[in-house]
C-alpha atoms as a PDB file:
ATOM      1  CA  MET A   1     111.761  92.046 100.054  1.00  0.00           C
ATOM      2  CA  ASP A   2     108.707  93.285  98.174  1.00  0.00           C
ATOM      3  CA  TYR A   3     109.238  91.805  94.730  1.00  0.00           C
ATOM      4  CA  THR A   4     105.845  93.024  93.562  1.00  0.00           C
ATOM      5  CA  ALA A   5     106.670  96.649  94.344  1.00  0.00           C
ATOM      6  CA  LEU A   6     110.087  96.306  92.722  1.00  0.00           C
ATOM      7  CA  TYR A   7     108.534  94.775  89.604  1.00  0.00           C
ATOM      8  CA  ARG A   8     105.827  97.447  89.437  1.00  0.00           C
ATOM      9  CA  GLN A   9     108.418 100.229  89.677  1.00  0.00           C
ATOM     10  CA  ALA A  10     110.671  98.638  87.069  1.00  0.00           C
ATOM     11  CA  MET A  11     107.759  98.403  84.650  1.00  0.00           C
ATOM     12  CA  ALA A  12     106.741 101.997  85.377  1.00  0.00           C
ATOM     13  CA  ASP A  13     110.304 103.046  84.566  1.00  0.00           C
ATOM     14  CA  GLY A  14     110.296 101.017  81.351  1.00  0.00           C
ATOM     15  CA  ALA A  15     113.081  98.806  82.686  1.00  0.00           C
ATOM     16  CA  THR A  16     111.767  95.521  81.330  1.00  0.00           C
ATOM     17  CA  ASP A  17     115.115  93.702  81.594  1.00  0.00           C
ATOM     18  CA  TYR A  18     115.281  94.643  85.268  1.00  0.00           C
ATOM     19  CA  ALA A  19     111.668  93.536  85.721  1.00  0.00           C
ATOM     20  CA  GLN A  20     112.605  90.121  84.321  1.00  0.00           C
ATOM     21  CA  THR A  21     115.549  89.962  86.718  1.00  0.00           C
ATOM     22  CA  ILE A  22     113.199  90.682  89.608  1.00  0.00           C
ATOM     23  CA  VAL A  23     110.946  87.817  88.526  1.00  0.00           C
ATOM     24  CA  THR A  24     113.965  85.508  88.311  1.00  0.00           C
ATOM     25  CA  CYS A  25     115.037  86.492  91.830  1.00  0.00           C
ATOM     26  CA  ALA A  26     111.518  85.995  93.143  1.00  0.00           C
ATOM     27  CA  VAL A  27     111.324  82.516  91.598  1.00  0.00           C
ATOM     28  CA  GLN A  28     114.613  81.600  93.265  1.00  0.00           C
ATOM     29  CA  ALA A  29     113.415  83.039  96.585  1.00  0.00           C
ATOM     30  CA  ALA A  30     110.198  81.034  96.324  1.00  0.00           C
ATOM     31  CA  GLN A  31     112.131  77.843  95.571  1.00  0.00           C
ATOM     32  CA  ALA A  32     114.246  78.489  98.660  1.00  0.00           C
ATOM     33  CA  GLY A  33     111.151  79.095 100.779  1.00  0.00           C
ATOM     34  CA  ALA A  34     112.184  82.685 101.431  1.00  0.00           C
ATOM     35  CA  ILE A  35     108.884  84.233 100.316  1.00  0.00           C
ATOM     36  CA  THR A  36     105.340  83.137 101.010  1.00  0.00           C
ATOM     37  CA  PRO A  37     102.827  81.752  98.537  1.00  0.00           C
ATOM     38  CA  LYS A  38     100.860  84.966  99.090  1.00  0.00           C
ATOM     39  CA  ASP A  39     103.900  86.989  97.949  1.00  0.00           C
ATOM     40  CA  VAL A  40     104.262  84.799  94.873  1.00  0.00           C
ATOM     41  CA  ALA A  41     100.559  85.163  94.043  1.00  0.00           C
ATOM     42  CA  ALA A  42     100.790  88.953  94.315  1.00  0.00           C
ATOM     43  CA  LEU A  43     103.769  89.042  91.955  1.00  0.00           C
ATOM     44  CA  VAL A  44     102.076  86.705  89.473  1.00  0.00           C
ATOM     45  CA  ALA A  45      98.981  88.927  89.465  1.00  0.00           C
ATOM     46  CA  GLU A  46     101.122  92.019  88.844  1.00  0.00           C
ATOM     47  CA  VAL A  47     103.069  90.331  86.048  1.00  0.00           C
ATOM     48  CA  LYS A  48      99.804  89.305  84.387  1.00  0.00           C
ATOM     49  CA  THR A  49      98.598  92.927  84.386  1.00  0.00           C
ATOM     50  CA  HIS A  50     101.620  93.727  82.227  1.00  0.00           C
ATOM     51  CA  GLY A  51     101.067  90.871  79.794  1.00  0.00           C
ATOM     52  CA  GLY A  52     103.582  88.538  81.407  1.00  0.00           C
ATOM     53  CA  VAL A  53     107.305  88.203  80.902  1.00  0.00           C
ATOM     54  CA  ARG A  54     109.379  85.778  78.904  1.00  0.00           C
ATOM     55  CA  HIS A  55     111.002  83.724  81.608  1.00  0.00           C
ATOM     56  CA  GLY A  56     111.525  80.112  80.820  1.00  0.00           C
ATOM     57  CA  GLY A  57     107.857  79.586  80.078  1.00  0.00           C
ATOM     58  CA  LEU A  58     106.626  81.060  83.343  1.00  0.00           C
ATOM     59  CA  TRP A  59     103.482  83.135  83.187  1.00  0.00           C
END
């Protein structure tokens, strides 16, 4: 699953709650080893371009 693309689209649509949900899902996927560190880094970079999200102190 391309969490970065999903996040980018949610932000483009103004769906910030959905964008936060995507980040939450990506964190859980990373913890389960279901996505690569490269995928996580790409999502983090995208989140930072939008000023971050409020998610338990992440980013």
